[in-house]
Amino acid sequence: MKKLFLIIGAPGSGKTTDAELIAKENDNITHYSTGEMLRAEVATKSELGLEIDNYISKGLIVPIEVAIKTITNAIKNAPTDIIIIDGYPRSMEQLNALDEYLHIDSSLELASVIEVRVSEETARDRVLGRARGADDNTEVFDNRMKVYTEPLFDIQAFYNAKNLLHVISGEGTIETIVSEMGSFVKAKI
């Protein structure tokens, strides 16, 4: 049975970097970033990529069918039985679609949802400081924060009720955060 860990956090919380480092340190863990998977599709300039870019460039959520298809394909093709996906879910619609998928696919268990919590100020400084792409500017950041925070309480409540939510502070050093997150993941395997 494959075990799935979801990592959520504000834009700039460090969730992708944390997950990448944990996977790099552990041969039995595969990491996928929802954002990177979607940006990779945009880079192909395919019809799907252009559709995704239409949403990402405005800081909007990609339609559920596209996101779920991307994620479930990644899970099925993962070379390991432990998978970390960061940046998902970002809405109750995404959460419900994944939850539905998990009920259907008994070969996959959601082990935990890890929230990397940072202040909005920290998130803003990190995102605007990295300026990785056209979507890293103040206007888009503000929209991405709004999109992230609006459903957050409901997402937290859903996973808390299932005893699956684990919160880690993203304000410390990368080493400290990765160490804490890595230990938690290993304890759940």
N, C-alpha and C. Protein backbone atom coordinates (compact mmCIF):
# COMPACT_ATOMS: atom_id res chain seq x y z
N MET A 1 0.84 -1.19 0.00
CA MET A 1 0.00 0.00 0.00
C MET A 1 0.87 1.24 0.00
N LYS A 2 0.51 2.19 -0.87
CA LYS A 2 1.25 3.45 -0.92
C LYS A 2 0.73 4.39 0.16
N LYS A 3 1.65 5.16 0.72
CA LYS A 3 1.28 6.14 1.75
C LYS A 3 1.51 7.53 1.17
N LEU A 4 0.50 8.38 1.35
CA LEU A 4 0.52 9.73 0.81
C LEU A 4 0.59 10.74 1.94
N PHE A 5 1.50 11.70 1.78
CA PHE A 5 1.60 12.84 2.69
C PHE A 5 1.33 14.08 1.86
N LEU A 6 0.43 14.93 2.34
CA LEU A 6 0.15 16.20 1.68
C LEU A 6 0.77 17.31 2.51
N ILE A 7 1.39 18.26 1.85
CA ILE A 7 1.96 19.40 2.56
C ILE A 7 1.28 20.66 2.04
N ILE A 8 0.63 21.39 2.95
CA ILE A 8 -0.03 22.63 2.59
C ILE A 8 0.69 23.79 3.28
N GLY A 9 0.54 24.96 2.72
CA GLY A 9 1.16 26.14 3.31
C GLY A 9 0.99 27.31 2.35
N ALA A 10 1.11 28.48 2.88
CA ALA A 10 0.98 29.70 2.08
C ALA A 10 2.05 29.73 1.00
N PRO A 11 1.83 30.52 -0.06
CA PRO A 11 2.90 30.72 -1.03
C PRO A 11 4.12 31.26 -0.27
N GLY A 12 5.29 30.70 -0.50
CA GLY A 12 6.48 31.16 0.20
C GLY A 12 6.69 30.53 1.56
N SER A 13 5.86 29.56 1.93
CA SER A 13 6.02 28.92 3.25
C SER A 13 7.22 27.99 3.29
N GLY A 14 7.72 27.61 2.13
CA GLY A 14 8.88 26.71 2.08
C GLY A 14 8.49 25.26 1.88
N LYS A 15 7.20 24.99 1.67
CA LYS A 15 6.72 23.61 1.60
C LYS A 15 7.40 22.79 0.50
N THR A 16 7.64 23.39 -0.67
CA THR A 16 8.27 22.66 -1.77
C THR A 16 9.72 22.34 -1.44
N THR A 17 10.46 23.32 -0.96
CA THR A 17 11.86 23.11 -0.59
C THR A 17 11.98 22.04 0.50
N ASP A 18 11.12 22.12 1.52
CA ASP A 18 11.15 21.15 2.62
C ASP A 18 10.93 19.74 2.08
N ALA A 19 9.90 19.58 1.26
CA ALA A 19 9.55 18.26 0.72
C ALA A 19 10.65 17.73 -0.19
N GLU A 20 11.25 18.60 -1.02
CA GLU A 20 12.34 18.20 -1.91
C GLU A 20 13.51 17.65 -1.11
N LEU A 21 13.87 18.35 -0.03
CA LEU A 21 15.01 17.93 0.79
C LEU A 21 14.73 16.60 1.50
N ILE A 22 13.52 16.41 1.98
CA ILE A 22 13.16 15.15 2.64
C ILE A 22 13.26 13.99 1.65
N ALA A 23 12.75 14.19 0.44
CA ALA A 23 12.80 13.15 -0.58
C ALA A 23 14.25 12.86 -0.99
N LYS A 24 15.06 13.92 -1.07
CA LYS A 24 16.46 13.76 -1.45
C LYS A 24 17.22 12.94 -0.40
N GLU A 25 16.85 13.11 0.88
CA GLU A 25 17.52 12.40 1.98
C GLU A 25 17.01 10.97 2.15
N ASN A 26 15.88 10.62 1.51
CA ASN A 26 15.26 9.31 1.70
C ASN A 26 14.92 8.68 0.35
N ASP A 27 15.64 7.63 -0.02
CA ASP A 27 15.43 6.97 -1.31
C ASP A 27 14.03 6.38 -1.46
N ASN A 28 13.35 6.14 -0.35
CA ASN A 28 12.03 5.49 -0.40
C ASN A 28 10.88 6.49 -0.47
N ILE A 29 11.20 7.79 -0.67
CA ILE A 29 10.17 8.83 -0.73
C ILE A 29 10.25 9.56 -2.07
N THR A 30 9.10 9.70 -2.72
CA THR A 30 9.00 10.48 -3.95
C THR A 30 8.24 11.76 -3.64
N HIS A 31 8.74 12.87 -4.16
CA HIS A 31 8.10 14.17 -3.94
C HIS A 31 7.59 14.75 -5.25
N TYR A 32 6.37 15.26 -5.20
CA TYR A 32 5.80 16.01 -6.32
C TYR A 32 5.27 17.33 -5.79
N SER A 33 5.55 18.39 -6.53
CA SER A 33 4.98 19.70 -6.22
C SER A 33 3.88 19.95 -7.23
N THR A 34 2.69 20.21 -6.72
CA THR A 34 1.57 20.50 -7.61
C THR A 34 1.91 21.66 -8.53
N GLY A 35 2.45 22.72 -7.94
CA GLY A 35 2.82 23.91 -8.72
C GLY A 35 3.84 23.59 -9.80
N GLU A 36 4.87 22.80 -9.46
CA GLU A 36 5.90 22.45 -10.44
C GLU A 36 5.34 21.56 -11.54
N MET A 37 4.45 20.61 -11.18
CA MET A 37 3.84 19.75 -12.19
C MET A 37 3.04 20.60 -13.18
N LEU A 38 2.30 21.57 -12.65
CA LEU A 38 1.49 22.43 -13.50
C LEU A 38 2.36 23.37 -14.34
N ARG A 39 3.42 23.93 -13.72
CA ARG A 39 4.33 24.83 -14.47
C ARG A 39 5.07 24.06 -15.57
N ALA A 40 5.40 22.78 -15.30
CA ALA A 40 6.07 21.96 -16.32
C ALA A 40 5.15 21.77 -17.52
N GLU A 41 3.86 21.57 -17.26
CA GLU A 41 2.89 21.42 -18.35
C GLU A 41 2.77 22.73 -19.13
N VAL A 42 2.80 23.86 -18.42
CA VAL A 42 2.73 25.17 -19.08
C VAL A 42 3.94 25.32 -20.02
N ALA A 43 5.12 24.89 -19.56
CA ALA A 43 6.35 25.03 -20.34
C ALA A 43 6.29 24.26 -21.66
N THR A 44 5.48 23.21 -21.73
CA THR A 44 5.36 22.44 -22.98
C THR A 44 4.57 23.20 -24.03
N LYS A 45 3.85 24.24 -23.61
CA LYS A 45 3.01 25.05 -24.49
C LYS A 45 1.92 24.21 -25.18
N SER A 46 1.58 23.09 -24.55
CA SER A 46 0.50 22.25 -25.07
C SER A 46 -0.83 22.97 -24.85
N GLU A 47 -1.88 22.41 -25.40
CA GLU A 47 -3.21 22.99 -25.21
C GLU A 47 -3.54 23.02 -23.72
N LEU A 48 -3.24 21.92 -23.04
CA LEU A 48 -3.48 21.85 -21.59
C LEU A 48 -2.61 22.86 -20.86
N GLY A 49 -1.34 22.98 -21.29
CA GLY A 49 -0.42 23.94 -20.69
C GLY A 49 -0.91 25.37 -20.81
N LEU A 50 -1.44 25.72 -21.98
CA LEU A 50 -1.96 27.07 -22.19
C LEU A 50 -3.19 27.32 -21.31
N GLU A 51 -4.02 26.29 -21.16
CA GLU A 51 -5.20 26.42 -20.29
C GLU A 51 -4.77 26.63 -18.83
N ILE A 52 -3.78 25.85 -18.39
CA ILE A 52 -3.27 25.97 -17.02
C ILE A 52 -2.68 27.37 -16.82
N ASP A 53 -1.89 27.84 -17.80
CA ASP A 53 -1.24 29.14 -17.70
C ASP A 53 -2.26 30.26 -17.55
N ASN A 54 -3.40 30.12 -18.19
CA ASN A 54 -4.46 31.11 -18.09
C ASN A 54 -4.91 31.29 -16.64
N TYR A 55 -4.85 30.25 -15.84
CA TYR A 55 -5.23 30.34 -14.42
C TYR A 55 -4.03 30.78 -13.56
N ILE A 56 -2.89 30.11 -13.72
CA ILE A 56 -1.71 30.38 -12.89
C ILE A 56 -1.26 31.83 -13.01
N SER A 57 -1.26 32.37 -14.22
CA SER A 57 -0.75 33.73 -14.43
C SER A 57 -1.58 34.78 -13.70
N LYS A 58 -2.79 34.40 -13.31
CA LYS A 58 -3.66 35.32 -12.56
C LYS A 58 -3.72 34.96 -11.07
N GLY A 59 -2.97 33.92 -10.68
CA GLY A 59 -2.98 33.49 -9.28
C GLY A 59 -4.22 32.71 -8.91
N LEU A 60 -4.92 32.18 -9.91
CA LEU A 60 -6.16 31.44 -9.66
C LEU A 60 -5.89 29.94 -9.55
N ILE A 61 -6.86 29.23 -8.99
CA ILE A 61 -6.76 27.78 -8.86
C ILE A 61 -7.08 27.13 -10.20
N VAL A 62 -6.27 26.14 -10.56
CA VAL A 62 -6.48 25.37 -11.79
C VAL A 62 -7.72 24.50 -11.60
N PRO A 63 -8.54 24.32 -12.64
CA PRO A 63 -9.76 23.50 -12.50
C PRO A 63 -9.48 22.12 -11.91
N ILE A 64 -10.42 21.64 -11.12
CA ILE A 64 -10.28 20.40 -10.37
C ILE A 64 -9.94 19.20 -11.24
N GLU A 65 -10.57 19.08 -12.42
CA GLU A 65 -10.32 17.92 -13.27
C GLU A 65 -8.84 17.86 -13.67
N VAL A 66 -8.27 19.01 -14.00
CA VAL A 66 -6.87 19.09 -14.42
C VAL A 66 -5.94 18.74 -13.26
N ALA A 67 -6.21 19.32 -12.09
CA ALA A 67 -5.36 19.08 -10.92
C ALA A 67 -5.42 17.61 -10.48
N ILE A 68 -6.61 17.05 -10.39
CA ILE A 68 -6.77 15.66 -9.96
C ILE A 68 -6.12 14.70 -10.95
N LYS A 69 -6.29 14.95 -12.23
CA LYS A 69 -5.68 14.10 -13.26
C LYS A 69 -4.15 14.14 -13.12
N THR A 70 -3.60 15.32 -12.93
CA THR A 70 -2.16 15.49 -12.77
C THR A 70 -1.66 14.73 -11.54
N ILE A 71 -2.36 14.88 -10.43
CA ILE A 71 -1.94 14.27 -9.17
C ILE A 71 -2.11 12.75 -9.18
N THR A 72 -3.25 12.25 -9.63
CA THR A 72 -3.47 10.80 -9.62
C THR A 72 -2.51 10.09 -10.57
N ASN A 73 -2.19 10.71 -11.70
CA ASN A 73 -1.20 10.13 -12.61
C ASN A 73 0.17 10.05 -11.94
N ALA A 74 0.53 11.10 -11.22
CA ALA A 74 1.81 11.12 -10.52
C ALA A 74 1.87 10.03 -9.45
N ILE A 75 0.80 9.88 -8.68
CA ILE A 75 0.76 8.87 -7.63
C ILE A 75 0.89 7.47 -8.23
N LYS A 76 0.12 7.18 -9.28
CA LYS A 76 0.15 5.86 -9.91
C LYS A 76 1.53 5.53 -10.47
N ASN A 77 2.22 6.54 -10.98
CA ASN A 77 3.52 6.32 -11.61
C ASN A 77 4.70 6.53 -10.67
N ALA A 78 4.44 6.81 -9.41
CA ALA A 78 5.53 7.06 -8.45
C ALA A 78 6.39 5.81 -8.29
N PRO A 79 7.71 5.99 -8.29
CA PRO A 79 8.61 4.84 -8.17
C PRO A 79 8.73 4.30 -6.74
N THR A 80 8.15 4.98 -5.77
CA THR A 80 8.22 4.53 -4.38
C THR A 80 6.82 4.40 -3.79
N ASP A 81 6.75 3.79 -2.61
CA ASP A 81 5.46 3.62 -1.94
C ASP A 81 5.13 4.77 -0.99
N ILE A 82 6.07 5.67 -0.78
CA ILE A 82 5.82 6.84 0.06
C ILE A 82 5.91 8.06 -0.84
N ILE A 83 4.82 8.84 -0.87
CA ILE A 83 4.72 9.97 -1.77
C ILE A 83 4.37 11.22 -0.98
N ILE A 84 5.10 12.29 -1.25
CA ILE A 84 4.79 13.59 -0.67
C ILE A 84 4.35 14.51 -1.80
N ILE A 85 3.17 15.09 -1.65
CA ILE A 85 2.69 16.08 -2.63
C ILE A 85 2.49 17.39 -1.88
N ASP A 86 3.15 18.44 -2.38
CA ASP A 86 2.95 19.72 -1.71
C ASP A 86 2.09 20.63 -2.57
N GLY A 87 1.39 21.54 -1.88
CA GLY A 87 0.55 22.51 -2.56
C GLY A 87 -0.84 21.99 -2.90
N TYR A 88 -1.26 20.95 -2.20
CA TYR A 88 -2.58 20.36 -2.48
C TYR A 88 -3.14 19.77 -1.21
N PRO A 89 -4.39 19.97 -0.88
CA PRO A 89 -5.43 20.69 -1.61
C PRO A 89 -5.41 22.18 -1.29
N ARG A 90 -5.93 22.97 -2.23
CA ARG A 90 -6.01 24.42 -2.05
C ARG A 90 -7.45 24.90 -2.00
N SER A 91 -8.38 23.97 -2.06
CA SER A 91 -9.80 24.34 -1.97
C SER A 91 -10.56 23.14 -1.43
N MET A 92 -11.77 23.39 -0.96
CA MET A 92 -12.61 22.28 -0.49
C MET A 92 -12.99 21.38 -1.67
N GLU A 93 -13.15 21.97 -2.84
CA GLU A 93 -13.46 21.17 -4.03
C GLU A 93 -12.31 20.18 -4.31
N GLN A 94 -11.07 20.66 -4.23
CA GLN A 94 -9.91 19.79 -4.43
C GLN A 94 -9.84 18.73 -3.34
N LEU A 95 -10.06 19.14 -2.09
CA LEU A 95 -10.04 18.22 -0.97
C LEU A 95 -11.07 17.11 -1.17
N ASN A 96 -12.30 17.48 -1.51
CA ASN A 96 -13.36 16.50 -1.70
C ASN A 96 -13.07 15.55 -2.86
N ALA A 97 -12.50 16.08 -3.95
CA ALA A 97 -12.16 15.24 -5.10
C ALA A 97 -11.09 14.22 -4.72
N LEU A 98 -10.08 14.65 -3.96
CA LEU A 98 -9.03 13.73 -3.53
C LEU A 98 -9.59 12.72 -2.54
N ASP A 99 -10.41 13.18 -1.61
CA ASP A 99 -11.01 12.29 -0.62
C ASP A 99 -11.84 11.20 -1.31
N GLU A 100 -12.57 11.60 -2.32
CA GLU A 100 -13.38 10.66 -3.11
C GLU A 100 -12.47 9.63 -3.79
N TYR A 101 -11.37 10.11 -4.37
CA TYR A 101 -10.41 9.24 -5.04
C TYR A 101 -9.81 8.24 -4.03
N LEU A 102 -9.49 8.71 -2.83
CA LEU A 102 -8.90 7.85 -1.80
C LEU A 102 -9.87 6.76 -1.35
N HIS A 103 -11.16 7.06 -1.37
CA HIS A 103 -12.18 6.06 -1.01
C HIS A 103 -12.27 4.97 -2.07
N ILE A 104 -12.02 5.34 -3.33
CA ILE A 104 -12.12 4.40 -4.45
C ILE A 104 -10.86 3.55 -4.56
N ASP A 105 -9.69 4.18 -4.37
CA ASP A 105 -8.42 3.48 -4.54
C ASP A 105 -7.90 2.99 -3.19
N SER A 106 -8.11 1.70 -2.92
CA SER A 106 -7.71 1.15 -1.62
C SER A 106 -6.21 0.85 -1.53
N SER A 107 -5.48 1.08 -2.62
CA SER A 107 -4.03 0.84 -2.59
C SER A 107 -3.26 2.07 -2.08
N LEU A 108 -4.01 3.12 -1.71
CA LEU A 108 -3.38 4.36 -1.26
C LEU A 108 -4.01 4.83 0.04
N GLU A 109 -3.15 5.18 0.99
CA GLU A 109 -3.62 5.67 2.29
C GLU A 109 -3.07 7.08 2.52
N LEU A 110 -3.93 7.99 2.94
CA LEU A 110 -3.48 9.33 3.31
C LEU A 110 -2.93 9.24 4.73
N ALA A 111 -1.61 9.32 4.86
CA ALA A 111 -0.96 9.17 6.15
C ALA A 111 -1.08 10.43 7.01
N SER A 112 -0.93 11.60 6.36
CA SER A 112 -1.01 12.85 7.11
C SER A 112 -1.05 14.05 6.17
N VAL A 113 -1.57 15.15 6.71
CA VAL A 113 -1.54 16.45 6.03
C VAL A 113 -0.70 17.34 6.93
N ILE A 114 0.40 17.84 6.39
CA ILE A 114 1.31 18.68 7.16
C ILE A 114 1.14 20.12 6.70
N GLU A 115 0.79 20.99 7.65
CA GLU A 115 0.68 22.41 7.33
C GLU A 115 1.95 23.11 7.77
N VAL A 116 2.63 23.76 6.83
CA VAL A 116 3.81 24.57 7.14
C VAL A 116 3.29 25.99 7.34
N ARG A 117 3.28 26.44 8.59
CA ARG A 117 2.65 27.71 8.92
C ARG A 117 3.68 28.83 9.03
N VAL A 118 3.43 29.91 8.26
CA VAL A 118 4.26 31.12 8.32
C VAL A 118 3.36 32.34 8.36
N SER A 119 3.91 33.46 8.81
CA SER A 119 3.15 34.71 8.80
C SER A 119 3.03 35.20 7.37
N GLU A 120 2.04 36.04 7.11
CA GLU A 120 1.88 36.60 5.77
C GLU A 120 3.10 37.44 5.40
N GLU A 121 3.67 38.12 6.38
CA GLU A 121 4.86 38.95 6.13
C GLU A 121 6.03 38.10 5.65
N THR A 122 6.26 36.96 6.31
CA THR A 122 7.34 36.05 5.90
C THR A 122 7.08 35.53 4.50
N ALA A 123 5.84 35.11 4.25
CA ALA A 123 5.48 34.58 2.93
C ALA A 123 5.72 35.62 1.84
N ARG A 124 5.27 36.84 2.09
CA ARG A 124 5.42 37.92 1.10
C ARG A 124 6.91 38.19 0.82
N ASP A 125 7.71 38.30 1.88
CA ASP A 125 9.14 38.57 1.71
C ASP A 125 9.81 37.48 0.88
N ARG A 126 9.46 36.23 1.16
CA ARG A 126 10.07 35.11 0.43
C ARG A 126 9.65 35.08 -1.03
N VAL A 127 8.36 35.22 -1.30
CA VAL A 127 7.87 35.14 -2.68
C VAL A 127 8.40 36.29 -3.52
N LEU A 128 8.30 37.51 -3.00
CA LEU A 128 8.74 38.66 -3.79
C LEU A 128 10.26 38.72 -3.87
N GLY A 129 10.94 38.10 -2.92
CA GLY A 129 12.40 38.05 -2.94
C GLY A 129 12.94 37.04 -3.95
N ARG A 130 12.16 35.98 -4.22
CA ARG A 130 12.65 34.94 -5.14
C ARG A 130 12.33 35.27 -6.59
N ALA A 131 11.19 35.95 -6.83
CA ALA A 131 10.75 36.34 -8.18
C ALA A 131 11.10 35.28 -9.22
N ARG A 132 10.56 34.08 -9.00
CA ARG A 132 10.86 32.92 -9.85
C ARG A 132 10.17 33.00 -11.20
N GLY A 133 9.03 33.67 -11.25
CA GLY A 133 8.31 33.71 -12.52
C GLY A 133 7.40 34.91 -12.59
N ALA A 134 6.64 34.97 -13.67
CA ALA A 134 5.73 36.08 -13.89
C ALA A 134 4.65 36.16 -12.82
N ASP A 135 4.43 35.01 -12.11
CA ASP A 135 3.38 35.00 -11.09
C ASP A 135 3.90 35.45 -9.72
N ASP A 136 5.17 35.89 -9.65
CA ASP A 136 5.73 36.35 -8.38
C ASP A 136 5.81 37.89 -8.35
N ASN A 137 4.66 38.54 -8.23
CA ASN A 137 4.62 39.99 -8.04
C ASN A 137 3.56 40.28 -6.98
N THR A 138 3.53 41.51 -6.48
CA THR A 138 2.66 41.85 -5.35
C THR A 138 1.19 41.56 -5.61
N GLU A 139 0.69 41.98 -6.76
CA GLU A 139 -0.73 41.79 -7.07
C GLU A 139 -1.10 40.30 -7.10
N VAL A 140 -0.29 39.52 -7.78
CA VAL A 140 -0.56 38.08 -7.87
C VAL A 140 -0.36 37.43 -6.50
N PHE A 141 0.67 37.86 -5.75
CA PHE A 141 0.88 37.30 -4.41
C PHE A 141 -0.35 37.54 -3.53
N ASP A 142 -0.87 38.77 -3.54
CA ASP A 142 -2.04 39.09 -2.72
C ASP A 142 -3.21 38.18 -3.09
N ASN A 143 -3.39 37.95 -4.38
CA ASN A 143 -4.48 37.08 -4.82
C ASN A 143 -4.22 35.63 -4.38
N ARG A 144 -2.97 35.18 -4.53
CA ARG A 144 -2.62 33.80 -4.12
C ARG A 144 -2.84 33.62 -2.61
N MET A 145 -2.49 34.63 -1.81
CA MET A 145 -2.71 34.53 -0.36
C MET A 145 -4.20 34.44 -0.06
N LYS A 146 -4.99 35.25 -0.75
CA LYS A 146 -6.44 35.23 -0.55
C LYS A 146 -7.00 33.86 -0.92
N VAL A 147 -6.56 33.34 -2.07
CA VAL A 147 -7.01 32.03 -2.53
C VAL A 147 -6.60 30.95 -1.52
N TYR A 148 -5.41 31.09 -0.93
CA TYR A 148 -4.93 30.11 0.06
C TYR A 148 -5.71 30.20 1.37
N THR A 149 -5.91 31.43 1.88
CA THR A 149 -6.49 31.58 3.22
C THR A 149 -8.00 31.41 3.27
N GLU A 150 -8.72 31.73 2.19
CA GLU A 150 -10.19 31.63 2.22
C GLU A 150 -10.70 30.25 2.65
N PRO A 151 -10.21 29.14 2.05
CA PRO A 151 -10.73 27.82 2.44
C PRO A 151 -9.93 27.16 3.57
N LEU A 152 -8.89 27.83 4.06
CA LEU A 152 -7.95 27.19 5.00
C LEU A 152 -8.63 26.65 6.25
N PHE A 153 -9.52 27.43 6.86
CA PHE A 153 -10.18 26.98 8.09
C PHE A 153 -10.95 25.68 7.85
N ASP A 154 -11.68 25.61 6.75
CA ASP A 154 -12.46 24.40 6.43
C ASP A 154 -11.55 23.21 6.15
N ILE A 155 -10.44 23.44 5.45
CA ILE A 155 -9.48 22.36 5.16
C ILE A 155 -8.89 21.86 6.48
N GLN A 156 -8.47 22.79 7.34
CA GLN A 156 -7.91 22.41 8.65
C GLN A 156 -8.94 21.62 9.46
N ALA A 157 -10.17 22.09 9.49
CA ALA A 157 -11.23 21.42 10.27
C ALA A 157 -11.48 20.01 9.75
N PHE A 158 -11.51 19.84 8.43
CA PHE A 158 -11.76 18.53 7.83
C PHE A 158 -10.67 17.53 8.25
N TYR A 159 -9.41 17.93 8.09
CA TYR A 159 -8.31 17.01 8.42
C TYR A 159 -8.10 16.86 9.92
N ASN A 160 -8.42 17.90 10.70
CA ASN A 160 -8.37 17.77 12.16
C ASN A 160 -9.37 16.74 12.64
N ALA A 161 -10.57 16.76 12.07
CA ALA A 161 -11.63 15.82 12.45
C ALA A 161 -11.21 14.38 12.17
N LYS A 162 -10.36 14.18 11.18
CA LYS A 162 -9.87 12.84 10.84
C LYS A 162 -8.54 12.55 11.54
N ASN A 163 -8.11 13.47 12.39
CA ASN A 163 -6.84 13.35 13.12
C ASN A 163 -5.65 13.18 12.17
N LEU A 164 -5.68 13.92 11.06
CA LEU A 164 -4.63 13.82 10.04
C LEU A 164 -3.77 15.09 9.93
N LEU A 165 -4.20 16.20 10.55
CA LEU A 165 -3.48 17.46 10.38
C LEU A 165 -2.36 17.58 11.40
N HIS A 166 -1.17 17.92 10.90
CA HIS A 166 -0.01 18.16 11.75
C HIS A 166 0.59 19.50 11.33
N VAL A 167 0.72 20.44 12.27
CA VAL A 167 1.23 21.77 11.97
C VAL A 167 2.69 21.90 12.37
N ILE A 168 3.49 22.45 11.45
CA ILE A 168 4.91 22.70 11.70
C ILE A 168 5.16 24.18 11.41
N SER A 169 5.94 24.84 12.26
CA SER A 169 6.28 26.23 12.01
C SER A 169 7.28 26.31 10.86
N GLY A 170 6.98 27.17 9.90
CA GLY A 170 7.88 27.38 8.77
C GLY A 170 8.75 28.61 8.95
N GLU A 171 8.77 29.14 10.16
CA GLU A 171 9.52 30.38 10.43
C GLU A 171 11.00 30.13 10.75
N GLY A 172 11.37 28.90 11.08
CA GLY A 172 12.75 28.61 11.47
C GLY A 172 13.67 28.42 10.28
N THR A 173 14.84 27.83 10.55
CA THR A 173 15.79 27.55 9.47
C THR A 173 15.30 26.35 8.67
N ILE A 174 15.74 26.27 7.44
CA ILE A 174 15.36 25.14 6.59
C ILE A 174 15.76 23.83 7.26
N GLU A 175 16.96 23.80 7.84
CA GLU A 175 17.45 22.58 8.49
C GLU A 175 16.52 22.13 9.61
N THR A 176 16.09 23.07 10.43
CA THR A 176 15.20 22.75 11.56
C THR A 176 13.86 22.23 11.06
N ILE A 177 13.30 22.91 10.08
CA ILE A 177 11.99 22.54 9.55
C ILE A 177 12.05 21.17 8.89
N VAL A 178 13.07 20.94 8.06
CA VAL A 178 13.23 19.66 7.36
C VAL A 178 13.45 18.54 8.36
N SER A 179 14.22 18.80 9.39
CA SER A 179 14.47 17.79 10.42
C SER A 179 13.17 17.40 11.12
N GLU A 180 12.39 18.41 11.53
CA GLU A 180 11.13 18.14 12.22
C GLU A 180 10.14 17.41 11.30
N MET A 181 10.03 17.90 10.06
CA MET A 181 9.09 17.28 9.11
C MET A 181 9.54 15.86 8.75
N GLY A 182 10.83 15.69 8.51
CA GLY A 182 11.37 14.37 8.16
C GLY A 182 11.15 13.36 9.26
N SER A 183 11.36 13.77 10.51
CA SER A 183 11.13 12.87 11.66
C SER A 183 9.67 12.48 11.76
N PHE A 184 8.81 13.45 11.53
CA PHE A 184 7.37 13.18 11.59
C PHE A 184 6.95 12.19 10.51
N VAL A 185 7.42 12.41 9.28
CA VAL A 185 7.08 11.51 8.16
C VAL A 185 7.57 10.09 8.45
N LYS A 186 8.83 9.99 8.90
CA LYS A 186 9.39 8.65 9.20
C LYS A 186 8.59 7.93 10.28
N ALA A 187 8.11 8.68 11.26
CA ALA A 187 7.32 8.08 12.35
C ALA A 187 5.98 7.55 11.85
N LYS A 188 5.49 8.10 10.74
CA LYS A 188 4.18 7.69 10.18
C LYS A 188 4.30 6.57 9.14
N ILE A 189 5.52 6.26 8.72
CA ILE A 189 5.69 5.24 7.67
C ILE A 189 5.49 3.83 8.20
